[in-house]
PDB file of N, CA and C in Angstrom:
ATOM      1  N   UNK A   1       5.072  10.001  -5.919  1.00  0.00           N
ATOM      2  CA  UNK A   1       5.270   8.931  -5.029  1.00  0.00           C
ATOM      3  C   UNK A   1       3.526   8.569  -4.889  1.00  0.00           C
ATOM      4  N   UNK A   2       3.880   7.489  -4.350  1.00  0.00           N
ATOM      5  CA  UNK A   2       2.118   6.306  -4.027  1.00  0.00           C
ATOM      6  C   UNK A   2       2.046   6.788  -2.877  1.00  0.00           C
ATOM      7  N   UNK A   3       0.553   6.870  -2.790  1.00  0.00           N
ATOM      8  CA  UNK A   3       0.199   7.301  -1.372  1.00  0.00           C
ATOM      9  C   UNK A   3      -0.581   6.282  -0.995  1.00  0.00           C
ATOM     10  N   UNK A   4      -0.158   5.890   0.260  1.00  0.00           N
ATOM     11  CA  UNK A   4      -0.518   4.418   0.880  1.00  0.00           C
ATOM     12  C   UNK A   4      -2.283   4.627   1.066  1.00  0.00           C
ATOM     13  N   UNK A   5      -3.104   4.076   1.143  1.00  0.00           N
ATOM     14  CA  UNK A   5      -4.323   3.968   1.559  1.00  0.00           C
ATOM     15  C   UNK A   5      -5.379   3.089   1.962  1.00  0.00           C
ATOM     16  N   UNK A   6      -6.130   3.294   2.869  1.00  0.00           N
ATOM     17  CA  UNK A   6      -6.882   2.238   3.446  1.00  0.00           C
ATOM     18  C   UNK A   6      -7.898   1.748   2.295  1.00  0.00           C
ATOM     19  N   UNK A   7      -8.246   0.508   1.933  1.00  0.00           N
ATOM     20  CA  UNK A   7      -9.242   0.563   0.620  1.00  0.00           C
ATOM     21  C   UNK A   7     -10.408   0.129   1.298  1.00  0.00           C
ATOM     22  N   UNK A   8     -11.087  -0.008   2.911  1.00  0.00           N
ATOM     23  CA  UNK A   8     -11.894  -0.091   2.897  1.00  0.00           C
ATOM     24  C   UNK A   8     -12.840   0.817   3.645  1.00  0.00           C
ATOM     25  N   UNK A   9     -13.881   1.392   3.169  1.00  0.00           N
ATOM     26  CA  UNK A   9     -14.000   1.973   4.424  1.00  0.00           C
ATOM     27  C   UNK A   9     -15.936   1.535   4.672  1.00  0.00           C
ATOM     28  N   UNK A  10     -16.400   1.272   5.886  1.00  0.00           N
ATOM     29  CA  UNK A  10     -17.729   0.870   6.073  1.00  0.00           C
ATOM     30  C   UNK A  10     -18.330   1.337   6.835  1.00  0.00           C
ATOM     31  N   UNK A  11     -19.887   1.253   6.116  1.00  0.00           N
ATOM     32  CA  UNK A  11     -20.690   1.888   7.026  1.00  0.00           C
ATOM     33  C   UNK A  11     -21.655   0.854   7.366  1.00  0.00           C
ATOM     34  N   UNK A  12     -22.293   0.650   8.680  1.00  0.00           N
ATOM     35  CA  UNK A  12     -23.004  -0.154   9.133  1.00  0.00           C
ATOM     36  C   UNK A  12     -24.532   0.012   9.752  1.00  0.00           C
ATOM     37  N   UNK A  13     -25.475  -0.183   9.130  1.00  0.00           N
ATOM     38  CA  UNK A  13     -26.600  -0.040   8.927  1.00  0.00           C
ATOM     39  C   UNK A  13     -27.428  -1.131   9.906  1.00  0.00           C
ATOM     40  N   UNK A  14     -28.388  -1.112  10.832  1.00  0.00           N
ATOM     41  CA  UNK A  14     -28.553  -2.045  11.719  1.00  0.00           C
ATOM     42  C   UNK A  14     -29.927  -2.759  10.915  1.00  0.00           C
ATOM     43  N   UNK A  15     -29.832  -4.133  11.009  1.00  0.00           N
ATOM     44  CA  UNK A  15     -30.932  -4.929  10.224  1.00  0.00           C
ATOM     45  C   UNK A  15     -32.019  -5.423  11.739  1.00  0.00           C
ATOM     46  N   UNK A  16     -32.779  -6.295  11.682  1.00  0.00           N
ATOM     47  CA  UNK A  16     -33.580  -6.616  12.684  1.00  0.00           C
ATOM     48  C   UNK A  16     -32.994  -7.937  13.430  1.00  0.00           C
ATOM     49  N   UNK A  17     -31.794  -8.537  12.461  1.00  0.00           N
ATOM     50  CA  UNK A  17     -31.368  -9.759  12.508  1.00  0.00           C
ATOM     51  C   UNK A  17     -30.430  -9.257  13.633  1.00  0.00           C
ATOM     52  N   UNK A  18     -29.490  -8.127  13.410  1.00  0.00           N
ATOM     53  CA  UNK A  18     -28.816  -7.545  14.498  1.00  0.00           C
ATOM     54  C   UNK A  18     -29.358  -7.306  15.628  1.00  0.00           C
ATOM     55  N   UNK A  19     -29.964  -6.646  15.628  1.00  0.00           N
ATOM     56  CA  UNK A  19     -31.030  -6.409  16.918  1.00  0.00           C
ATOM     57  C   UNK A  19     -31.332  -7.507  17.732  1.00  0.00           C
ATOM     58  N   UNK A  20     -31.767  -9.032  16.857  1.00  0.00           N
ATOM     59  CA  UNK A  20     -31.689 -10.097  17.575  1.00  0.00           C
ATOM     60  C   UNK A  20     -30.976 -10.567  18.251  1.00  0.00           C
ATOM     61  N   UNK A  21     -29.947 -10.467  17.763  1.00  0.00           N
ATOM     62  CA  UNK A  21     -28.377 -10.710  17.931  1.00  0.00           C
ATOM     63  C   UNK A  21     -28.012 -10.375  19.332  1.00  0.00           C
ATOM     64  N   UNK A  22     -27.698  -9.490  19.612  1.00  0.00           N
ATOM     65  CA  UNK A  22     -27.320  -8.472  20.534  1.00  0.00           C
ATOM     66  C   UNK A  22     -28.321  -8.068  21.643  1.00  0.00           C
ATOM     67  N   UNK A  23     -29.256  -8.086  21.029  1.00  0.00           N
ATOM     68  CA  UNK A  23     -30.555  -7.891  22.228  1.00  0.00           C
ATOM     69  C   UNK A  23     -30.652  -5.898  21.638  1.00  0.00           C
ATOM     70  N   UNK A  24     -31.845  -5.836  22.334  1.00  0.00           N
ATOM     71  CA  UNK A  24     -32.371  -3.983  22.034  1.00  0.00           C
ATOM     72  C   UNK A  24     -31.417  -3.436  22.150  1.00  0.00           C
ATOM     73  N   UNK A  25     -31.106  -3.568  23.810  1.00  0.00           N
ATOM     74  CA  UNK A  25     -30.264  -2.873  24.898  1.00  0.00           C
ATOM     75  C   UNK A  25     -28.750  -2.586  24.414  1.00  0.00           C
ATOM     76  N   UNK A  26     -28.158  -3.287  23.982  1.00  0.00           N
ATOM     77  CA  UNK A  26     -27.179  -4.006  23.812  1.00  0.00           C
ATOM     78  C   UNK A  26     -26.939  -3.575  22.125  1.00  0.00           C
ATOM     79  N   UNK A  27     -27.624  -3.673  21.691  1.00  0.00           N
ATOM     80  CA  UNK A  27     -26.985  -3.082  20.194  1.00  0.00           C
ATOM     81  C   UNK A  27     -26.277  -1.427  19.800  1.00  0.00           C
ATOM     82  N   UNK A  28     -26.786  -0.836  20.516  1.00  0.00           N
ATOM     83  CA  UNK A  28     -25.668   1.018  20.439  1.00  0.00           C
ATOM     84  C   UNK A  28     -24.119   0.604  20.996  1.00  0.00           C
ATOM     85  N   UNK A  29     -24.251  -0.220  21.913  1.00  0.00           N
ATOM     86  CA  UNK A  29     -23.386  -0.152  22.761  1.00  0.00           C
ATOM     87  C   UNK A  29     -22.347  -1.043  22.102  1.00  0.00           C
ATOM     88  N   UNK A  30     -22.508  -2.079  21.447  1.00  0.00           N
ATOM     89  CA  UNK A  30     -21.725  -3.007  20.677  1.00  0.00           C
ATOM     90  C   UNK A  30     -21.353  -2.558  19.170  1.00  0.00           C
ATOM     91  N   UNK A  31     -21.848  -1.535  18.689  1.00  0.00           N
ATOM     92  CA  UNK A  31     -21.953  -0.823  17.098  1.00  0.00           C
ATOM     93  C   UNK A  31     -20.998   0.293  17.659  1.00  0.00           C
ATOM     94  N   UNK A  32     -20.839   0.919  18.908  1.00  0.00           N
ATOM     95  CA  UNK A  32     -20.010   2.070  19.389  1.00  0.00           C
ATOM     96  C   UNK A  32     -18.870   1.478  19.957  1.00  0.00           C
ATOM     97  N   UNK A  33     -18.849   0.463  20.471  1.00  0.00           N
ATOM     98  CA  UNK A  33     -17.858  -0.370  20.606  1.00  0.00           C
ATOM     99  C   UNK A  33     -16.844  -0.836  19.310  1.00  0.00           C
ATOM    100  N   UNK A  34     -17.822  -1.284  18.361  1.00  0.00           N
ATOM    101  CA  UNK A  34     -17.057  -1.915  17.324  1.00  0.00           C
ATOM    102  C   UNK A  34     -16.378  -0.543  16.200  1.00  0.00           C
ATOM    103  N   UNK A  35     -17.245   0.374  16.737  1.00  0.00           N
ATOM    104  CA  UNK A  35     -16.569   1.875  15.781  1.00  0.00           C
ATOM    105  C   UNK A  35     -15.625   2.392  15.877  1.00  0.00           C
ATOM    106  N   UNK A  36     -15.219   2.410  17.482  1.00  0.00           N
ATOM    107  CA  UNK A  36     -14.208   3.188  18.208  1.00  0.00           C
ATOM    108  C   UNK A  36     -13.005   2.000  17.845  1.00  0.00           C
ATOM    109  N   UNK A  37     -12.663   0.922  17.892  1.00  0.00           N
ATOM    110  CA  UNK A  37     -11.961  -0.211  17.726  1.00  0.00           C
ATOM    111  C   UNK A  37     -11.449  -0.205  16.391  1.00  0.00           C
ATOM    112  N   UNK A  38     -12.393   0.243  15.218  1.00  0.00           N
ATOM    113  CA  UNK A  38     -12.414  -0.057  14.265  1.00  0.00           C
ATOM    114  C   UNK A  38     -11.250   1.665  13.508  1.00  0.00           C
ATOM    115  N   UNK A  39     -11.759   2.437  14.528  1.00  0.00           N
ATOM    116  CA  UNK A  39     -11.313   3.827  14.233  1.00  0.00           C
ATOM    117  C   UNK A  39      -9.699   4.204  14.922  1.00  0.00           C
ATOM    118  N   UNK A  40      -9.664   3.290  15.935  1.00  0.00           N
ATOM    119  CA  UNK A  40      -8.275   2.816  16.493  1.00  0.00           C
ATOM    120  C   UNK A  40      -7.316   1.995  15.028  1.00  0.00           C
ATOM    121  N   UNK A  41      -7.625   1.206  14.818  1.00  0.00           N
ATOM    122  CA  UNK A  41      -7.031  -0.103  13.704  1.00  0.00           C
ATOM    123  C   UNK A  41      -6.795   1.095  12.891  1.00  0.00           C
ATOM    124  N   UNK A  42      -7.771   2.025  12.395  1.00  0.00           N
ATOM    125  CA  UNK A  42      -7.051   3.019  10.903  1.00  0.00           C
ATOM    126  C   UNK A  42      -5.840   4.008  11.646  1.00  0.00           C
ATOM    127  N   UNK A  43      -6.294   4.535  13.048  1.00  0.00           N
ATOM    128  CA  UNK A  43      -5.119   5.755  12.980  1.00  0.00           C
ATOM    129  C   UNK A  43      -3.784   4.745  13.285  1.00  0.00           C
ATOM    130  N   UNK A  44      -4.216   3.780  13.935  1.00  0.00           N
ATOM    131  CA  UNK A  44      -2.155   3.183  13.716  1.00  0.00           C
ATOM    132  C   UNK A  44      -2.258   2.283  12.592  1.00  0.00           C
ATOM    133  N   UNK A  45      -3.021   2.258  11.904  1.00  0.00           N
ATOM    134  CA  UNK A  45      -2.364   1.676  10.399  1.00  0.00           C
ATOM    135  C   UNK A  45      -1.903   3.027   9.512  1.00  0.00           C
ATOM    136  N   UNK A  46      -2.456   4.115  10.099  1.00  0.00           N
ATOM    137  CA  UNK A  46      -1.753   5.239   9.171  1.00  0.00           C
ATOM    138  C   UNK A  46      -0.422   5.638   9.801  1.00  0.00           C
ATOM    139  N   UNK A  47      -0.160   5.463  11.452  1.00  0.00           N
ATOM    140  CA  UNK A  47       0.838   5.646  11.857  1.00  0.00           C
ATOM    141  C   UNK A  47       2.231   4.196  11.567  1.00  0.00           C
ATOM    142  N   UNK A  48       1.691   3.326  11.166  1.00  0.00           N
ATOM    143  CA  UNK A  48       2.637   2.846  10.640  1.00  0.00           C
ATOM    144  C   UNK A  48       3.017   2.627   9.465  1.00  0.00           C
ATOM    145  N   UNK A  49       2.520   3.574   8.861  1.00  0.00           N
ATOM    146  CA  UNK A  49       2.773   3.836   7.193  1.00  0.00           C
ATOM    147  C   UNK A  49       3.109   4.417   7.428  1.00  0.00           C
ATOM    148  N   UNK A  50       3.294   5.952   7.577  1.00  0.00           N
ATOM    149  CA  UNK A  50       3.940   6.647   8.133  1.00  0.00           C
ATOM    150  C   UNK A  50       5.443   6.453   8.555  1.00  0.00           C
ATOM    151  N   UNK A  51       5.483   5.728   9.410  1.00  0.00           N
ATOM    152  CA  UNK A  51       6.599   4.787   9.850  1.00  0.00           C
ATOM    153  C   UNK A  51       7.264   4.428   9.177  1.00  0.00           C
ATOM    154  N   UNK A  52       6.747   3.463   8.076  1.00  0.00           N
ATOM    155  CA  UNK A  52       7.473   2.521   7.370  1.00  0.00           C
ATOM    156  C   UNK A  52       7.835   2.901   5.741  1.00  0.00           C
ATOM    157  N   UNK A  53       7.228   4.570   5.296  1.00  0.00           N
ATOM    158  CA  UNK A  53       7.662   5.583   4.557  1.00  0.00           C
ATOM    159  C   UNK A  53       8.935   6.302   5.119  1.00  0.00           C
ATOM    160  N   UNK A  54       8.899   6.772   6.039  1.00  0.00           N
ATOM    161  CA  UNK A  54      10.116   7.182   6.777  1.00  0.00           C
ATOM    162  C   UNK A  54      11.190   6.752   6.714  1.00  0.00           C
ATOM    163  N   UNK A  55      11.058   5.695   6.967  1.00  0.00           N
ATOM    164  CA  UNK A  55      12.315   4.287   7.354  1.00  0.00           C
ATOM    165  C   UNK A  55      12.867   4.347   5.442  1.00  0.00           C
ATOM    166  N   UNK A  56      11.768   3.928   4.656  1.00  0.00           N
ATOM    167  CA  UNK A  56      12.406   3.595   3.399  1.00  0.00           C
ATOM    168  C   UNK A  56      12.945   5.222   2.374  1.00  0.00           C
ATOM    169  N   UNK A  57      12.055   6.546   2.690  1.00  0.00           N
ATOM    170  CA  UNK A  57      12.909   7.613   2.233  1.00  0.00           C
ATOM    171  C   UNK A  57      14.587   7.579   2.639  1.00  0.00           C
ATOM    172  N   UNK A  58      14.485   7.493   4.466  1.00  0.00           N
ATOM    173  CA  UNK A  58      15.645   7.187   4.723  1.00  0.00           C
ATOM    174  C   UNK A  58      17.055   6.844   3.636  1.00  0.00           C
ATOM    175  N   UNK A  59      16.530   5.411   3.626  1.00  0.00           N
ATOM    176  CA  UNK A  59      17.934   4.419   2.866  1.00  0.00           C
ATOM    177  C   UNK A  59      17.712   4.646   1.263  1.00  0.00           C
ATOM    178  N   UNK A  60      16.637   5.348   0.967  1.00  0.00           N
ATOM    179  CA  UNK A  60      16.851   5.550  -0.718  1.00  0.00           C
ATOM    180  C   UNK A  60      16.394   6.803  -1.159  1.00  0.00           C
ATOM    181  N   UNK A  61      17.673   7.351  -2.464  1.00  0.00           N
ATOM    182  CA  UNK A  61      18.001   8.693  -2.173  1.00  0.00           C
ATOM    183  C   UNK A  61      16.797   8.372  -4.125  1.00  0.00           C
ATOM    184  N   UNK A  62      16.288   9.765  -4.200  1.00  0.00           N
ATOM    185  CA  UNK A  62      15.229   9.856  -4.953  1.00  0.00           C
ATOM    186  C   UNK A  62      15.943  10.017  -6.145  1.00  0.00           C
ATOM    187  N   UNK A  63      15.470   9.470  -7.642  1.00  0.00           N
ATOM    188  CA  UNK A  63      16.129   9.101  -8.441  1.00  0.00           C
ATOM    189  C   UNK A  63      15.536  10.767  -9.672  1.00  0.00           C
ATOM    190  N   UNK A  64      16.619  10.775  -9.880  1.00  0.00           N
ATOM    191  CA  UNK A  64      16.586  12.017 -11.252  1.00  0.00           C
ATOM    192  C   UNK A  64      17.329  11.629 -12.174  1.00  0.00           C
ATOM    193  N   UNK A  65      16.337  11.853 -13.213  1.00  0.00           N
ATOM    194  CA  UNK A  65      16.399  11.705 -14.559  1.00  0.00           C
ATOM    195  C   UNK A  65      16.141  12.717 -15.538  1.00  0.00           C
ATOM    196  N   UNK A  66      16.862  12.749 -16.799  1.00  0.00           N
ATOM    197  CA  UNK A  66      16.606  13.713 -18.023  1.00  0.00           C
ATOM    198  C   UNK A  66      16.475  12.954 -19.013  1.00  0.00           C
ATOM    199  N   UNK A  67      15.880  13.653 -19.965  1.00  0.00           N
ATOM    200  CA  UNK A  67      15.576  13.177 -21.390  1.00  0.00           C
ATOM    201  C   UNK A  67      16.880  12.777 -22.112  1.00  0.00           C
ATOM    202  N   UNK A  68      17.086  11.952 -22.912  1.00  0.00           N
ATOM    203  CA  UNK A  68      18.268  11.375 -23.521  1.00  0.00           C
ATOM    204  C   UNK A  68      19.169  10.531 -22.534  1.00  0.00           C
ATOM    205  N   UNK A  69      18.500  10.314 -21.219  1.00  0.00           N
ATOM    206  CA  UNK A  69      19.637   9.779 -20.358  1.00  0.00           C
ATOM    207  C   UNK A  69      19.352   8.311 -20.643  1.00  0.00           C
ATOM    208  N   UNK A  70      20.746   7.238 -20.732  1.00  0.00           N
ATOM    209  CA  UNK A  70      20.528   5.790 -20.530  1.00  0.00           C
ATOM    210  C   UNK A  70      20.289   5.089 -19.165  1.00  0.00           C
ATOM    211  N   UNK A  71      19.423   4.774 -19.446  1.00  0.00           N
ATOM    212  CA  UNK A  71      19.250   3.492 -18.078  1.00  0.00           C
ATOM    213  C   UNK A  71      19.019   2.234 -18.282  1.00  0.00           C
ATOM    214  N   UNK A  72      18.972   1.671 -16.991  1.00  0.00           N
ATOM    215  CA  UNK A  72      18.663   0.188 -16.613  1.00  0.00           C
ATOM    216  C   UNK A  72      17.649   0.200 -16.302  1.00  0.00           C
ATOM    217  N   UNK A  73      16.971  -1.519 -16.639  1.00  0.00           N
ATOM    218  CA  UNK A  73      15.664  -1.749 -15.615  1.00  0.00           C
ATOM    219  C   UNK A  73      16.213  -2.958 -15.185  1.00  0.00           C
ATOM    220  N   UNK A  74      15.881  -3.261 -13.807  1.00  0.00           N
ATOM    221  CA  UNK A  74      15.992  -4.348 -13.240  1.00  0.00           C
ATOM    222  C   UNK A  74      15.141  -5.448 -13.565  1.00  0.00           C
ATOM    223  N   UNK A  75      15.613  -6.687 -14.132  1.00  0.00           N
ATOM    224  CA  UNK A  75      14.608  -7.560 -14.583  1.00  0.00           C
ATOM    225  C   UNK A  75      13.829  -8.441 -13.529  1.00  0.00           C
ATOM    226  N   UNK A  76      12.662  -8.055 -13.314  1.00  0.00           N
ATOM    227  CA  UNK A  76      11.579  -8.436 -12.513  1.00  0.00           C
ATOM    228  C   UNK A  76      11.133  -9.910 -12.626  1.00  0.00           C
ATOM    229  N   UNK A  77      11.410 -10.699 -14.233  1.00  0.00           N
ATOM    230  CA  UNK A  77      10.851 -11.871 -14.230  1.00  0.00           C
ATOM    231  C   UNK A  77      11.672 -13.077 -13.860  1.00  0.00           C
ATOM    232  N   UNK A  78      13.345 -12.689 -13.329  1.00  0.00           N
ATOM    233  CA  UNK A  78      13.842 -13.768 -13.011  1.00  0.00           C
ATOM    234  C   UNK A  78      13.039 -14.735 -11.844  1.00  0.00           C
ATOM    235  N   UNK A  79      13.518 -15.784 -11.947  1.00  0.00           N
ATOM    236  CA  UNK A  79      12.537 -16.727 -10.852  1.00  0.00           C
ATOM    237  C   UNK A  79      13.883 -18.320 -10.129  1.00  0.00           C
ATOM    238  N   UNK A  80      12.995 -18.965 -10.278  1.00  0.00           N
ATOM    239  CA  UNK A  80      13.846 -19.862  -9.162  1.00  0.00           C
ATOM    240  C   UNK A  80      14.171 -21.357 -10.733  1.00  0.00           C
ATOM    241  N   UNK A  81      13.730 -20.931 -11.602  1.00  0.00           N
ATOM    242  CA  UNK A  81      13.578 -22.471 -12.259  1.00  0.00           C
ATOM    243  C   UNK A  81      15.195 -22.348 -12.851  1.00  0.00           C
ATOM    244  N   UNK A  82      15.522 -23.741 -13.363  1.00  0.00           N
ATOM    245  CA  UNK A  82      16.590 -24.289 -13.588  1.00  0.00           C
ATOM    246  C   UNK A  82      16.881 -23.354 -14.727  1.00  0.00           C
ATOM    247  N   UNK A  83      18.423 -23.152 -14.390  1.00  0.00           N
ATOM    248  CA  UNK A  83      19.340 -22.503 -15.155  1.00  0.00           C
ATOM    249  C   UNK A  83      18.697 -20.610 -15.129  1.00  0.00           C
ATOM    250  N   UNK A  84      18.376 -20.505 -14.518  1.00  0.00           N
ATOM    251  CA  UNK A  84      17.747 -18.600 -14.269  1.00  0.00           C
ATOM    252  C   UNK A  84      19.125 -17.889 -13.470  1.00  0.00           C
ATOM    253  N   UNK A  85      19.831 -18.927 -13.190  1.00  0.00           N
ATOM    254  CA  UNK A  85      20.743 -17.730 -12.580  1.00  0.00           C
ATOM    255  C   UNK A  85      21.716 -17.407 -13.754  1.00  0.00           C
ATOM    256  N   UNK A  86      21.855 -17.726 -15.288  1.00  0.00           N
ATOM    257  CA  UNK A  86      22.559 -17.361 -16.236  1.00  0.00           C
ATOM    258  C   UNK A  86      21.403 -16.251 -16.904  1.00  0.00           C
ATOM    259  N   UNK A  87      20.322 -15.852 -16.519  1.00  0.00           N
ATOM    260  CA  UNK A  87      20.047 -14.608 -16.977  1.00  0.00           C
ATOM    261  C   UNK A  87      20.520 -13.253 -16.156  1.00  0.00           C
ATOM    262  N   UNK A  88      19.949 -12.592 -17.206  1.00  0.00           N
ATOM    263  CA  UNK A  88      20.540 -10.964 -16.576  1.00  0.00           C
ATOM    264  C   UNK A  88      19.356 -10.544 -15.505  1.00  0.00           C
ATOM    265  N   UNK A  89      20.869  -9.539 -14.700  1.00  0.00           N
ATOM    266  CA  UNK A  89      20.025  -8.896 -13.622  1.00  0.00           C
ATOM    267  C   UNK A  89      19.544  -7.410 -14.209  1.00  0.00           C
ATOM    268  N   UNK A  90      19.631  -7.006 -15.377  1.00  0.00           N
ATOM    269  CA  UNK A  90      18.743  -6.090 -16.051  1.00  0.00           C
ATOM    270  C   UNK A  90      18.764  -5.885 -17.199  1.00  0.00           C
ATOM    271  N   UNK A  91      17.810  -5.117 -18.523  1.00  0.00           N
ATOM    272  CA  UNK A  91      17.855  -5.313 -19.338  1.00  0.00           C
ATOM    273  C   UNK A  91      17.637  -3.810 -19.276  1.00  0.00           C
ATOM    274  N   UNK A  92      18.531  -3.664 -20.952  1.00  0.00           N
ATOM    275  CA  UNK A  92      18.601  -2.422 -21.370  1.00  0.00           C
ATOM    276  C   UNK A  92      20.043  -2.430 -21.842  1.00  0.00           C
ATOM    277  N   UNK A  93      20.712  -1.042 -22.083  1.00  0.00           N
ATOM    278  CA  UNK A  93      19.920   0.226 -21.920  1.00  0.00           C
ATOM    279  C   UNK A  93      18.743   0.839 -22.783  1.00  0.00           C
ATOM    280  N   UNK A  94      17.955   1.798 -21.754  1.00  0.00           N
ATOM    281  CA  UNK A  94      17.263   2.195 -22.786  1.00  0.00           C
ATOM    282  C   UNK A  94      17.435   3.847 -22.541  1.00  0.00           C
ATOM    283  N   UNK A  95      16.681   4.418 -23.476  1.00  0.00           N
ATOM    284  CA  UNK A  95      16.822   6.028 -23.668  1.00  0.00           C
ATOM    285  C   UNK A  95      15.781   6.764 -23.072  1.00  0.00           C
ATOM    286  N   UNK A  96      15.687   7.491 -22.277  1.00  0.00           N
ATOM    287  CA  UNK A  96      14.721   8.276 -21.433  1.00  0.00           C
ATOM    288  C   UNK A  96      14.412   9.263 -22.502  1.00  0.00           C
ATOM    289  N   UNK A  97      13.208   8.771 -22.902  1.00  0.00           N
ATOM    290  CA  UNK A  97      12.217   9.790 -24.652  1.00  0.00           C
ATOM    291  C   UNK A  97      11.229  10.615 -23.564  1.00  0.00           C
ATOM    292  N   UNK A  98      10.674  10.559 -22.341  1.00  0.00           N
ATOM    293  CA  UNK A  98       9.805  11.361 -22.002  1.00  0.00           C
ATOM    294  C   UNK A  98       9.752  11.247 -20.413  1.00  0.00           C
ATOM    295  N   UNK A  99       9.104  12.146 -19.559  1.00  0.00           N
ATOM    296  CA  UNK A  99       9.686  12.275 -18.099  1.00  0.00           C
ATOM    297  C   UNK A  99       7.831  12.420 -17.371  1.00  0.00           C
ATOM    298  N   UNK A 100       7.189  11.531 -17.116  1.00  0.00           N
ATOM    299  CA  UNK A 100       5.994  11.977 -16.891  1.00  0.00           C
ATOM    300  C   UNK A 100       6.028  12.046 -15.273  1.00  0.00           C
ATOM    301  N   UNK A 101       5.142  13.335 -15.013  1.00  0.00           N
ATOM    302  CA  UNK A 101       5.332  13.372 -13.331  1.00  0.00           C
ATOM    303  C   UNK A 101       4.158  13.115 -12.371  1.00  0.00           C
ATOM    304  N   UNK A 102       4.096  12.058 -11.704  1.00  0.00           N
ATOM    305  CA  UNK A 102       3.389  11.166 -11.172  1.00  0.00           C
ATOM    306  C   UNK A 102       3.962  11.259  -9.485  1.00  0.00           C
ATOM    307  N   UNK A 103       2.616  11.927  -8.755  1.00  0.00           N
ATOM    308  CA  UNK A 103       2.777  11.538  -7.351  1.00  0.00           C
ATOM    309  C   UNK A 103       2.497  10.650  -6.402  1.00  0.00           C
TER     310      UNK A 103
END
């Protein structure tokens, strides 16, 4: 199963331009405020992701396959084009040759 992750990790280093923008006295306060907001957002996103995962797991059963099982694959290439409603919903059957363990 795939792990959800935040893709952006930021490190901010002050520049002379930043100090001129906020003033020497306000700069550390602004950085602290932005860091606190960012940390709050990260924690809220992680909470939301865990809630979404729980809801998904509640509605979906874990599929178990064995070698030599026959399976159908959902046809994801279907579209809104003219005549597409006649295309097959699934492709196959395919035979399971090997099972890879992915987390």
